[in-house]
N, C-alpha and C. Protein backbone atom coordinates (compact mmCIF):
# COMPACT_ATOMS: atom_id res chain seq x y z
N UNK A 1 142.11 101.82 134.70
CA UNK A 1 141.41 101.66 133.44
C UNK A 1 141.52 100.20 133.05
N UNK A 2 140.35 99.40 132.79
CA UNK A 2 139.83 97.98 132.51
C UNK A 2 140.64 97.31 131.83
N UNK A 3 140.86 96.00 131.65
CA UNK A 3 141.74 95.37 130.97
C UNK A 3 140.09 94.88 129.78
N UNK A 4 139.64 95.66 129.60
CA UNK A 4 138.43 95.53 128.46
C UNK A 4 138.90 96.66 127.42
N UNK A 5 139.09 96.68 126.79
CA UNK A 5 138.31 97.60 125.18
C UNK A 5 137.49 98.10 124.97
N UNK A 6 136.25 97.21 125.00
CA UNK A 6 135.06 97.58 124.73
C UNK A 6 134.16 96.75 126.15
N UNK A 7 133.22 98.18 126.25
CA UNK A 7 132.11 97.45 127.80
C UNK A 7 131.60 95.77 127.36
N UNK A 8 130.94 95.74 125.62
CA UNK A 8 130.61 94.79 125.57
C UNK A 8 131.33 93.37 126.37
N UNK A 9 132.86 93.71 126.16
CA UNK A 9 133.15 92.72 126.68
C UNK A 9 133.79 91.68 128.23
N UNK A 10 133.65 92.36 129.00
CA UNK A 10 132.87 92.23 130.23
C UNK A 10 131.35 91.22 130.49
N UNK A 11 130.92 91.81 129.80
CA UNK A 11 129.63 91.12 129.41
C UNK A 11 129.21 89.96 128.95
N UNK A 12 130.66 89.63 127.70
CA UNK A 12 130.19 88.45 126.99
C UNK A 12 131.09 87.40 128.21
N UNK A 13 132.59 87.61 128.60
CA UNK A 13 132.62 87.27 129.51
C UNK A 13 132.19 86.52 131.29
N UNK A 14 130.92 87.65 131.15
CA UNK A 14 130.01 86.84 132.40
C UNK A 14 129.17 85.96 131.78
N UNK A 15 128.50 86.05 130.50
CA UNK A 15 127.64 84.83 129.83
C UNK A 15 128.41 84.22 129.74
N UNK A 16 129.49 83.58 129.48
CA UNK A 16 130.68 82.42 128.87
C UNK A 16 130.31 81.99 130.83
N UNK A 17 130.93 82.42 131.55
CA UNK A 17 130.69 81.92 132.96
C UNK A 17 129.61 81.62 133.62
N UNK A 18 128.17 82.17 133.19
CA UNK A 18 127.16 81.88 133.70
C UNK A 18 126.44 80.54 132.96
N UNK A 19 127.31 80.70 132.33
CA UNK A 19 126.97 79.35 130.78
C UNK A 19 127.53 78.13 131.17
N UNK A 20 128.35 78.06 132.13
CA UNK A 20 129.26 77.33 132.70
C UNK A 20 130.59 76.85 131.68
N UNK A 21 131.52 77.93 131.56
CA UNK A 21 132.31 77.99 130.62
C UNK A 21 133.19 78.59 131.73
N UNK A 22 134.70 78.54 131.39
CA UNK A 22 136.04 79.16 131.71
C UNK A 22 136.78 80.22 130.83
N UNK A 23 136.10 81.65 130.69
CA UNK A 23 136.54 82.17 129.81
C UNK A 23 138.00 82.51 129.79
N UNK A 24 138.78 82.07 130.85
CA UNK A 24 140.22 82.44 131.01
C UNK A 24 140.97 80.69 130.32
N UNK A 25 139.88 79.76 129.63
CA UNK A 25 140.55 78.91 129.10
C UNK A 25 141.04 79.01 127.55
N UNK A 26 141.98 78.09 127.17
CA UNK A 26 142.86 78.78 125.81
C UNK A 26 142.15 79.09 124.75
N UNK A 27 140.96 78.19 124.61
CA UNK A 27 140.11 78.69 123.53
C UNK A 27 138.88 79.28 123.41
N UNK A 28 138.89 80.60 124.54
CA UNK A 28 137.99 81.57 125.21
C UNK A 28 138.49 82.37 125.16
N UNK A 29 139.55 82.73 125.82
CA UNK A 29 140.89 83.78 126.12
C UNK A 29 140.39 85.62 125.44
N UNK A 30 139.97 84.73 123.65
CA UNK A 30 139.83 86.34 123.18
C UNK A 30 138.72 86.22 122.77
N UNK A 31 137.76 85.69 122.96
CA UNK A 31 136.57 85.04 122.35
C UNK A 31 135.33 86.64 122.96
N UNK A 32 135.99 87.02 124.40
CA UNK A 32 135.43 88.19 124.74
C UNK A 32 135.67 89.53 123.46
N UNK A 33 136.82 89.49 123.38
CA UNK A 33 136.80 90.47 122.52
C UNK A 33 136.68 90.33 120.86
N UNK A 34 136.48 88.90 120.65
CA UNK A 34 136.22 88.93 119.01
C UNK A 34 134.66 89.20 118.64
N UNK A 35 133.85 88.65 120.01
CA UNK A 35 132.58 88.97 120.28
C UNK A 35 132.18 90.30 120.10
N UNK A 36 132.84 91.22 120.79
CA UNK A 36 132.63 92.59 121.28
C UNK A 36 132.79 93.37 119.35
N UNK A 37 133.75 92.78 118.84
CA UNK A 37 133.94 93.43 117.48
C UNK A 37 133.06 93.04 116.32
N UNK A 38 132.55 91.33 116.52
CA UNK A 38 131.55 91.25 116.04
C UNK A 38 129.95 91.85 116.17
N UNK A 39 130.36 92.23 117.25
CA UNK A 39 128.38 92.65 117.52
C UNK A 39 128.73 94.49 117.44
N UNK A 40 129.80 95.02 117.31
CA UNK A 40 129.88 96.35 116.50
C UNK A 40 129.97 96.44 115.50
N UNK A 41 130.33 95.24 114.78
CA UNK A 41 130.32 95.21 112.79
C UNK A 41 128.99 94.73 112.25
N UNK A 42 128.50 93.71 113.62
CA UNK A 42 126.70 93.29 112.81
C UNK A 42 125.49 94.40 113.12
N UNK A 43 125.89 95.25 113.96
CA UNK A 43 125.32 96.55 114.19
C UNK A 43 125.54 97.45 114.45
N UNK A 44 125.83 97.67 113.13
CA UNK A 44 126.87 99.22 112.80
C UNK A 44 125.93 100.28 111.81
N UNK A 45 124.60 99.54 111.78
CA UNK A 45 123.16 100.39 110.68
C UNK A 45 123.28 101.29 111.85
N UNK A 46 123.15 101.38 112.93
CA UNK A 46 122.46 102.57 114.04
C UNK A 46 123.65 103.64 114.17
N UNK A 47 124.59 103.31 113.28
CA UNK A 47 125.40 104.60 113.25
C UNK A 47 125.00 105.21 111.67
N UNK A 48 124.68 104.96 111.24
CA UNK A 48 124.29 105.55 109.65
C UNK A 48 123.00 106.23 109.33
N UNK A 49 122.51 106.81 108.46
CA UNK A 49 121.61 107.60 108.28
C UNK A 49 120.68 107.36 107.05
N UNK A 50 119.50 106.92 107.40
CA UNK A 50 119.16 106.82 105.90
C UNK A 50 118.73 108.06 104.69
N UNK A 51 118.49 109.20 105.26
CA UNK A 51 118.77 110.16 104.46
C UNK A 51 119.58 110.66 103.82
N UNK A 52 121.08 110.31 104.96
CA UNK A 52 122.13 110.90 104.01
C UNK A 52 122.48 109.73 103.10
N UNK A 53 122.08 108.39 103.12
CA UNK A 53 123.26 107.84 102.16
C UNK A 53 121.76 107.81 101.22
N UNK A 54 120.80 107.98 101.23
CA UNK A 54 119.70 108.50 99.71
C UNK A 54 119.92 109.84 99.45
N UNK A 55 120.22 110.70 99.94
CA UNK A 55 120.14 112.32 99.43
C UNK A 55 121.40 112.43 98.88
N UNK A 56 122.32 111.79 98.64
CA UNK A 56 123.78 111.98 98.34
C UNK A 56 123.88 111.51 97.04
N UNK A 57 122.76 110.55 96.36
CA UNK A 57 122.78 110.14 95.28
C UNK A 57 121.27 110.60 94.65
N UNK A 58 120.36 112.11 94.42
CA UNK A 58 119.47 111.84 94.36
C UNK A 58 119.83 112.98 92.72
N UNK A 59 118.95 112.62 91.39
CA UNK A 59 119.03 113.09 90.44
C UNK A 59 117.53 113.07 89.54
N UNK A 60 117.49 114.66 88.61
CA UNK A 60 116.59 114.67 88.73
C UNK A 60 116.30 114.02 87.03
N UNK A 61 115.43 113.03 86.85
CA UNK A 61 115.63 112.29 85.64
C UNK A 61 113.83 112.15 85.31
N UNK A 62 113.74 112.33 83.73
CA UNK A 62 111.99 112.10 83.46
C UNK A 62 112.06 110.27 83.27
N UNK A 63 111.92 109.95 84.13
CA UNK A 63 112.24 108.39 83.83
C UNK A 63 110.28 108.38 84.90
N UNK A 64 109.48 107.23 84.53
CA UNK A 64 108.72 107.16 85.25
C UNK A 64 107.88 105.64 84.85
N UNK A 65 108.74 104.73 84.91
CA UNK A 65 108.41 103.47 84.42
C UNK A 65 109.48 102.80 86.09
N UNK A 66 109.10 101.52 86.06
CA UNK A 66 109.10 100.63 86.85
C UNK A 66 111.27 101.04 87.38
N UNK A 67 112.23 101.01 88.15
CA UNK A 67 113.16 100.67 88.77
C UNK A 67 112.97 99.65 89.60
N UNK A 68 113.91 98.15 89.74
CA UNK A 68 114.14 97.20 90.37
C UNK A 68 115.62 96.48 90.64
N UNK A 69 115.73 96.84 92.19
CA UNK A 69 117.09 96.58 92.16
C UNK A 69 116.59 95.28 93.04
N UNK A 70 116.89 93.59 92.80
CA UNK A 70 116.46 92.68 92.98
C UNK A 70 117.48 91.84 93.73
N UNK A 71 117.53 90.55 94.38
CA UNK A 71 118.24 89.47 94.81
C UNK A 71 119.72 90.46 95.80
N UNK A 72 119.26 91.30 96.23
CA UNK A 72 120.12 92.03 97.68
C UNK A 72 120.35 90.87 98.63
N UNK A 73 121.90 90.70 98.67
CA UNK A 73 122.01 90.27 99.86
C UNK A 73 121.92 90.36 100.76
N UNK A 74 121.20 90.09 102.23
CA UNK A 74 121.55 91.08 103.42
C UNK A 74 121.83 89.60 104.56
N UNK A 75 122.55 89.82 105.69
CA UNK A 75 122.12 89.42 106.71
C UNK A 75 122.13 90.30 107.89
N UNK A 76 120.70 89.65 109.30
CA UNK A 76 120.56 90.70 110.08
C UNK A 76 120.60 89.76 111.34
N UNK A 77 120.32 90.21 112.42
CA UNK A 77 120.67 89.73 114.01
C UNK A 77 119.05 89.65 114.54
N UNK A 78 118.65 88.57 114.83
CA UNK A 78 116.81 88.90 114.91
C UNK A 78 117.02 89.66 116.58
N UNK A 79 116.53 90.36 116.53
CA UNK A 79 116.36 91.53 118.11
C UNK A 79 115.40 90.46 119.11
N UNK A 80 115.07 89.54 118.83
CA UNK A 80 114.49 88.22 119.75
C UNK A 80 115.29 87.49 120.58
N UNK A 81 116.27 86.70 120.03
CA UNK A 81 117.34 85.64 120.03
C UNK A 81 118.59 86.10 120.27
N UNK A 82 118.62 87.19 119.10
CA UNK A 82 120.36 87.53 119.13
C UNK A 82 120.54 86.09 117.61
N UNK A 83 119.81 85.86 117.16
CA UNK A 83 120.52 84.97 115.89
C UNK A 83 120.34 85.25 114.60
N UNK A 84 120.94 85.12 113.70
CA UNK A 84 121.11 84.97 112.15
C UNK A 84 119.56 85.02 111.47
N UNK A 85 119.94 85.89 110.99
CA UNK A 85 118.59 85.61 109.82
C UNK A 85 119.24 86.27 108.52
N UNK A 86 118.43 86.42 107.10
CA UNK A 86 119.29 86.20 106.18
C UNK A 86 118.72 85.75 104.73
N UNK A 87 118.98 86.41 104.18
CA UNK A 87 117.85 86.13 103.01
C UNK A 87 118.14 87.57 101.89
N UNK A 88 117.20 86.97 100.95
CA UNK A 88 117.35 88.76 100.05
C UNK A 88 116.45 89.44 99.98
N UNK A 89 116.34 91.26 99.66
CA UNK A 89 115.92 91.85 99.33
C UNK A 89 115.50 92.23 97.94
N UNK A 90 113.69 92.38 97.55
CA UNK A 90 113.84 93.52 96.39
C UNK A 90 113.40 93.92 96.46
N UNK A 91 113.90 95.68 95.87
CA UNK A 91 113.13 96.83 95.76
C UNK A 91 112.61 97.19 94.39
N UNK A 92 111.82 97.82 95.03
CA UNK A 92 111.13 98.73 93.62
C UNK A 92 110.75 100.43 93.54
N UNK A 93 110.96 101.18 92.58
CA UNK A 93 110.24 102.53 93.10
C UNK A 93 109.47 102.59 91.43
N UNK A 94 108.69 103.53 91.48
CA UNK A 94 107.88 104.23 90.34
C UNK A 94 108.62 105.90 90.50
N UNK A 95 109.32 106.30 90.06
CA UNK A 95 110.28 107.84 89.99
C UNK A 95 108.83 108.88 89.56
N UNK A 96 108.82 109.82 90.37
CA UNK A 96 107.95 111.15 90.32
C UNK A 96 108.71 112.29 89.61
N UNK A 97 109.43 112.62 90.52
CA UNK A 97 110.46 113.83 89.84
C UNK A 97 112.23 113.09 89.87
N UNK A 98 112.54 112.09 90.64
CA UNK A 98 113.53 112.13 91.15
C UNK A 98 113.84 110.54 90.74
N UNK A 99 115.36 110.28 90.88
CA UNK A 99 115.60 108.46 90.98
C UNK A 99 117.08 109.09 92.04
N UNK A 100 117.09 107.86 92.51
CA UNK A 100 118.20 107.59 93.38
C UNK A 100 119.44 106.28 92.79
N UNK A 101 120.52 106.91 92.76
CA UNK A 101 121.76 106.19 92.47
C UNK A 101 121.18 104.75 92.59
N UNK A 102 121.97 103.46 92.02
CA UNK A 102 120.99 102.48 92.23
C UNK A 102 121.95 101.65 93.44
N UNK A 103 123.51 101.83 93.42
CA UNK A 103 123.95 101.23 94.22
C UNK A 103 123.58 101.52 95.62
N UNK A 104 122.58 102.92 96.14
CA UNK A 104 121.98 103.56 97.71
C UNK A 104 121.21 102.23 97.71
N UNK A 105 120.52 102.00 96.88
CA UNK A 105 119.48 100.80 97.03
C UNK A 105 119.79 99.88 98.12
N UNK A 106 120.92 99.01 97.34
CA UNK A 106 121.46 98.17 98.42
C UNK A 106 122.35 98.56 99.54
N UNK A 107 122.92 99.72 99.66
CA UNK A 107 123.07 100.25 101.14
C UNK A 107 122.29 100.51 101.84
N UNK A 108 120.86 101.05 101.35
CA UNK A 108 119.89 101.05 102.67
C UNK A 108 119.28 99.68 103.20
N UNK A 109 119.57 98.98 102.46
CA UNK A 109 118.84 97.51 102.72
C UNK A 109 119.95 96.85 103.52
N UNK A 110 121.60 97.29 103.26
CA UNK A 110 122.46 97.19 104.20
C UNK A 110 122.30 97.64 105.64
N UNK A 111 122.21 98.80 105.74
CA UNK A 111 121.99 99.71 106.78
C UNK A 111 121.08 99.51 107.31
N UNK A 112 119.64 99.29 107.54
CA UNK A 112 119.08 98.65 107.97
C UNK A 112 118.94 97.36 108.52
N UNK A 113 119.51 95.95 107.46
CA UNK A 113 119.55 94.74 108.15
C UNK A 113 120.64 94.96 108.88
N UNK A 114 121.86 95.30 109.17
CA UNK A 114 122.90 96.02 110.41
C UNK A 114 122.32 96.39 111.69
N UNK A 115 121.25 96.53 112.19
CA UNK A 115 120.69 96.70 113.58
C UNK A 115 120.03 95.04 114.01
N UNK A 116 119.49 95.24 114.93
CA UNK A 116 118.50 94.38 115.51
C UNK A 116 117.34 94.32 115.02
N UNK A 117 116.67 93.51 114.49
CA UNK A 117 115.59 93.49 113.11
C UNK A 117 114.52 92.51 113.80
N UNK A 118 113.45 92.63 113.42
CA UNK A 118 112.30 91.46 112.88
C UNK A 118 111.95 91.79 111.60
N UNK A 119 112.33 90.80 110.80
CA UNK A 119 112.04 90.87 109.30
C UNK A 119 110.83 91.80 108.95
N UNK A 120 109.74 91.89 109.21
CA UNK A 120 108.78 93.00 109.18
C UNK A 120 109.29 94.23 108.71
N UNK A 121 109.39 94.46 110.25
CA UNK A 121 110.69 96.02 110.77
C UNK A 121 111.12 96.47 109.04
N UNK A 122 112.18 95.96 109.53
CA UNK A 122 112.94 95.38 108.32
C UNK A 122 112.72 96.39 106.55
N UNK A 123 111.63 95.63 106.34
CA UNK A 123 110.82 95.32 105.53
C UNK A 123 110.34 96.60 105.14
N UNK A 124 109.08 97.23 106.04
CA UNK A 124 109.01 98.18 106.24
C UNK A 124 109.72 99.80 106.03
N UNK A 125 111.01 100.06 106.98
CA UNK A 125 111.37 100.94 107.16
C UNK A 125 112.43 100.79 105.67
N UNK A 126 113.00 100.15 104.88
CA UNK A 126 113.99 100.04 103.96
C UNK A 126 112.40 101.28 102.52
N UNK A 127 111.52 100.41 102.73
CA UNK A 127 110.21 101.37 102.03
C UNK A 127 109.87 102.40 102.09
N UNK A 128 109.53 102.63 103.91
CA UNK A 128 109.23 104.02 104.06
C UNK A 128 110.11 104.84 104.04
N UNK A 129 111.70 104.83 103.79
CA UNK A 129 112.54 105.62 103.89
C UNK A 129 112.71 106.02 102.40
N UNK A 130 112.73 105.64 101.38
CA UNK A 130 111.91 105.54 100.39
C UNK A 130 111.10 106.93 99.72
N UNK A 131 109.85 106.19 100.18
CA UNK A 131 109.30 106.79 100.21
C UNK A 131 109.43 108.41 100.09
N UNK A 132 109.79 108.51 101.54
CA UNK A 132 109.82 109.55 102.65
C UNK A 132 110.73 110.56 101.57
N UNK A 133 112.25 109.62 100.65
CA UNK A 133 113.22 110.77 100.42
C UNK A 133 112.67 111.14 98.50
N UNK A 134 112.34 109.92 98.53
CA UNK A 134 111.69 109.85 96.69
C UNK A 134 110.71 110.57 96.44
N UNK A 135 109.27 110.40 97.31
CA UNK A 135 108.33 110.76 97.54
C UNK A 135 107.91 110.30 95.53
N UNK A 136 108.14 108.80 95.52
CA UNK A 136 107.51 108.46 93.84
C UNK A 136 106.40 107.98 94.03
N UNK A 137 106.11 107.46 93.18
CA UNK A 137 104.55 107.07 92.86
C UNK A 137 104.45 105.95 93.61
N UNK A 138 105.45 104.75 93.67
CA UNK A 138 104.99 103.71 94.36
C UNK A 138 106.14 103.17 94.93
N UNK A 139 106.45 102.44 95.75
CA UNK A 139 106.96 101.58 96.47
C UNK A 139 106.94 100.06 96.84
N UNK A 140 107.83 99.21 96.38
CA UNK A 140 107.61 97.53 96.82
C UNK A 140 108.58 97.23 97.16
N UNK A 141 108.72 96.53 98.16
CA UNK A 141 109.69 95.70 99.19
C UNK A 141 109.13 94.40 99.53
N UNK A 142 109.87 93.40 99.09
CA UNK A 142 109.59 92.06 99.62
C UNK A 142 111.08 91.11 99.80
N UNK A 143 110.68 90.83 100.81
CA UNK A 143 112.17 90.11 101.49
C UNK A 143 111.93 88.89 102.17
N UNK A 144 112.85 87.61 101.35
CA UNK A 144 112.54 86.32 102.09
C UNK A 144 113.94 86.18 102.83
N UNK A 145 113.48 85.64 103.35
CA UNK A 145 114.85 85.13 104.70
C UNK A 145 114.50 83.59 105.58
N UNK A 146 115.23 82.89 105.52
CA UNK A 146 115.36 82.15 106.68
C UNK A 146 115.99 82.61 108.27
N UNK A 147 115.48 82.16 109.17
CA UNK A 147 116.08 82.36 110.41
C UNK A 147 116.52 81.53 111.35
N UNK A 148 117.78 81.84 111.59
CA UNK A 148 118.37 80.74 112.66
C UNK A 148 117.38 80.52 113.57
N UNK A 149 116.73 81.32 114.41
CA UNK A 149 116.12 80.83 115.75
C UNK A 149 115.06 80.10 115.53
N UNK A 150 114.40 79.89 114.36
CA UNK A 150 113.45 79.10 113.79
C UNK A 150 114.07 77.55 113.17
N UNK A 151 115.80 77.66 113.17
CA UNK A 151 115.72 76.24 112.72
C UNK A 151 116.86 75.88 113.50
N UNK A 152 117.18 76.37 114.55
CA UNK A 152 117.80 75.95 115.60
C UNK A 152 117.28 76.13 116.77
N UNK A 153 115.82 76.47 117.26
CA UNK A 153 115.71 76.49 118.24
C UNK A 153 114.27 76.27 118.25
N UNK A 154 113.63 76.21 118.96
CA UNK A 154 111.77 76.63 118.98
C UNK A 154 111.26 75.58 118.26
N UNK A 155 109.91 75.67 117.00
CA UNK A 155 109.99 74.39 115.68
C UNK A 155 110.86 73.74 115.61
N UNK A 156 112.04 74.26 115.51
CA UNK A 156 113.22 73.34 114.50
C UNK A 156 113.01 73.21 112.89
N UNK A 157 112.53 74.34 112.64
CA UNK A 157 111.89 74.39 111.08
C UNK A 157 113.52 73.99 109.87
N UNK A 158 113.64 73.23 109.27
CA UNK A 158 115.05 73.47 108.54
C UNK A 158 114.72 73.94 106.98
N UNK A 159 113.71 73.58 106.75
CA UNK A 159 113.30 74.14 105.61
C UNK A 159 112.15 75.11 104.81
N UNK A 160 112.33 75.87 106.50
CA UNK A 160 110.64 77.30 105.76
C UNK A 160 111.47 78.22 105.91
N UNK A 161 110.98 79.32 104.83
CA UNK A 161 111.47 80.20 104.94
C UNK A 161 110.16 81.76 105.00
N UNK A 162 110.72 82.78 105.95
CA UNK A 162 109.76 83.64 105.92
C UNK A 162 109.58 85.00 104.62
N UNK A 163 108.07 85.38 103.89
CA UNK A 163 107.95 86.88 102.83
C UNK A 163 107.38 87.59 103.59
N UNK A 164 107.77 88.60 103.77
CA UNK A 164 107.38 89.52 104.04
C UNK A 164 107.63 90.54 102.85
N UNK A 165 105.98 91.51 102.82
CA UNK A 165 106.32 92.85 101.43
C UNK A 165 106.00 93.54 102.08
N UNK A 166 106.22 95.10 101.53
CA UNK A 166 105.34 96.74 102.00
C UNK A 166 105.16 97.10 100.81
N UNK A 167 103.61 97.74 100.21
CA UNK A 167 103.26 97.95 98.88
C UNK A 167 102.61 99.18 99.09
N UNK A 168 103.00 100.13 98.31
CA UNK A 168 102.55 101.82 99.15
C UNK A 168 102.62 102.00 97.01
N UNK A 169 101.43 103.10 97.29
CA UNK A 169 101.84 104.13 96.42
C UNK A 169 100.55 103.24 95.01
N UNK A 170 101.23 103.18 94.01
CA UNK A 170 100.83 102.46 92.66
C UNK A 170 100.70 100.93 93.03
N UNK A 171 102.07 100.27 93.34
CA UNK A 171 102.24 99.18 93.79
C UNK A 171 100.81 98.14 94.45
N UNK A 172 100.26 99.56 95.04
CA UNK A 172 99.29 98.59 96.24
C UNK A 172 98.09 98.91 95.44
N UNK A 173 97.77 100.38 94.83
CA UNK A 173 96.78 100.70 94.35
C UNK A 173 95.87 100.03 92.31
N UNK A 174 97.02 99.38 92.00
CA UNK A 174 97.03 98.98 90.75
C UNK A 174 97.49 97.27 90.41
N UNK A 175 96.70 96.88 90.72
CA UNK A 175 96.77 95.55 90.44
C UNK A 175 97.76 95.10 89.51
N UNK A 176 97.79 95.54 88.49
CA UNK A 176 98.80 95.12 87.12
C UNK A 176 100.06 95.58 87.51
N UNK A 177 100.41 96.96 88.13
CA UNK A 177 101.98 97.16 88.53
C UNK A 177 102.23 96.50 89.33
N UNK A 178 101.54 95.80 90.21
CA UNK A 178 102.23 95.00 91.13
C UNK A 178 102.31 93.80 90.52
N UNK A 179 101.64 93.19 90.08
CA UNK A 179 101.77 92.03 89.19
C UNK A 179 103.53 91.88 88.76
N UNK A 180 102.87 92.71 88.08
CA UNK A 180 104.37 92.95 86.68
C UNK A 180 105.80 92.93 87.95
N UNK A 181 105.60 93.29 88.65
CA UNK A 181 106.76 93.75 89.91
C UNK A 181 106.87 92.32 90.41
N UNK A 182 106.08 91.67 90.62
CA UNK A 182 105.95 90.49 91.62
C UNK A 182 106.65 89.21 90.34
N UNK A 183 105.91 89.11 89.23
CA UNK A 183 106.96 88.38 88.16
C UNK A 183 108.21 88.67 87.66
N UNK A 184 108.25 89.69 87.50
CA UNK A 184 110.10 90.19 87.62
C UNK A 184 111.18 89.78 88.72
N UNK A 185 110.17 89.99 89.95
CA UNK A 185 111.12 89.46 91.19
C UNK A 185 110.91 87.97 91.24
N UNK A 186 110.39 87.23 90.31
CA UNK A 186 110.42 85.64 90.35
C UNK A 186 111.59 84.87 89.49
N UNK A 187 111.93 86.01 88.21
CA UNK A 187 113.19 85.10 87.23
C UNK A 187 114.15 85.01 88.08
N UNK A 188 114.71 83.82 87.78
CA UNK A 188 115.64 83.61 88.46
C UNK A 188 116.80 84.65 87.95
N UNK A 189 117.93 84.86 89.13
CA UNK A 189 118.81 85.92 89.22
C UNK A 189 119.71 85.41 87.62
N UNK A 190 120.15 86.83 87.33
CA UNK A 190 120.72 86.17 85.49
C UNK A 190 122.14 86.18 85.70
N UNK A 191 122.85 85.45 85.14
CA UNK A 191 124.12 85.51 84.49
C UNK A 191 124.49 86.39 83.60
N UNK A 192 125.74 87.22 84.35
CA UNK A 192 126.19 87.72 82.56
C UNK A 192 127.90 87.67 82.61
N UNK A 193 128.20 85.87 83.07
CA UNK A 193 129.58 86.02 82.83
C UNK A 193 130.11 84.93 81.72
């Protein structure tokens, strides 16, 4: 059996060597193991199913007003450079026949963010999953994030952020509904302390 516990470990050791480092030196001896564990954690969303996350908490409720869970913090890895991007997601839907437990929405964001991603795909995956499971009257997802691949390399922009949205159903067809959602997510986070 190999000295490596995870197949990622020898790859990390080889990368360190290719970068001009000595993977056996004191500060790097355990780095391949640490990186392997970190990558498994960062990408644990591949092991989860969005339908299982949402289907376990569906409730028949007569409610047809907007439901919003905002300021959902997330961290993800850019699929182009494997560098982090992070920010906040704002998710809303207008129920038709069912609502989902409120905690399931941050879990859904977390699940998709724990995969190699681009922000645009992350935004649409969240919206499409809610649309598929709930069949609501409308879904809206807005994500605001900063990308280390833009800050640390390339254009080197320290103060720019990216905003993406996926707007479906009544949020797309009714400008008043869309405006109400946008206004509600603009408000600063409440302090309940």
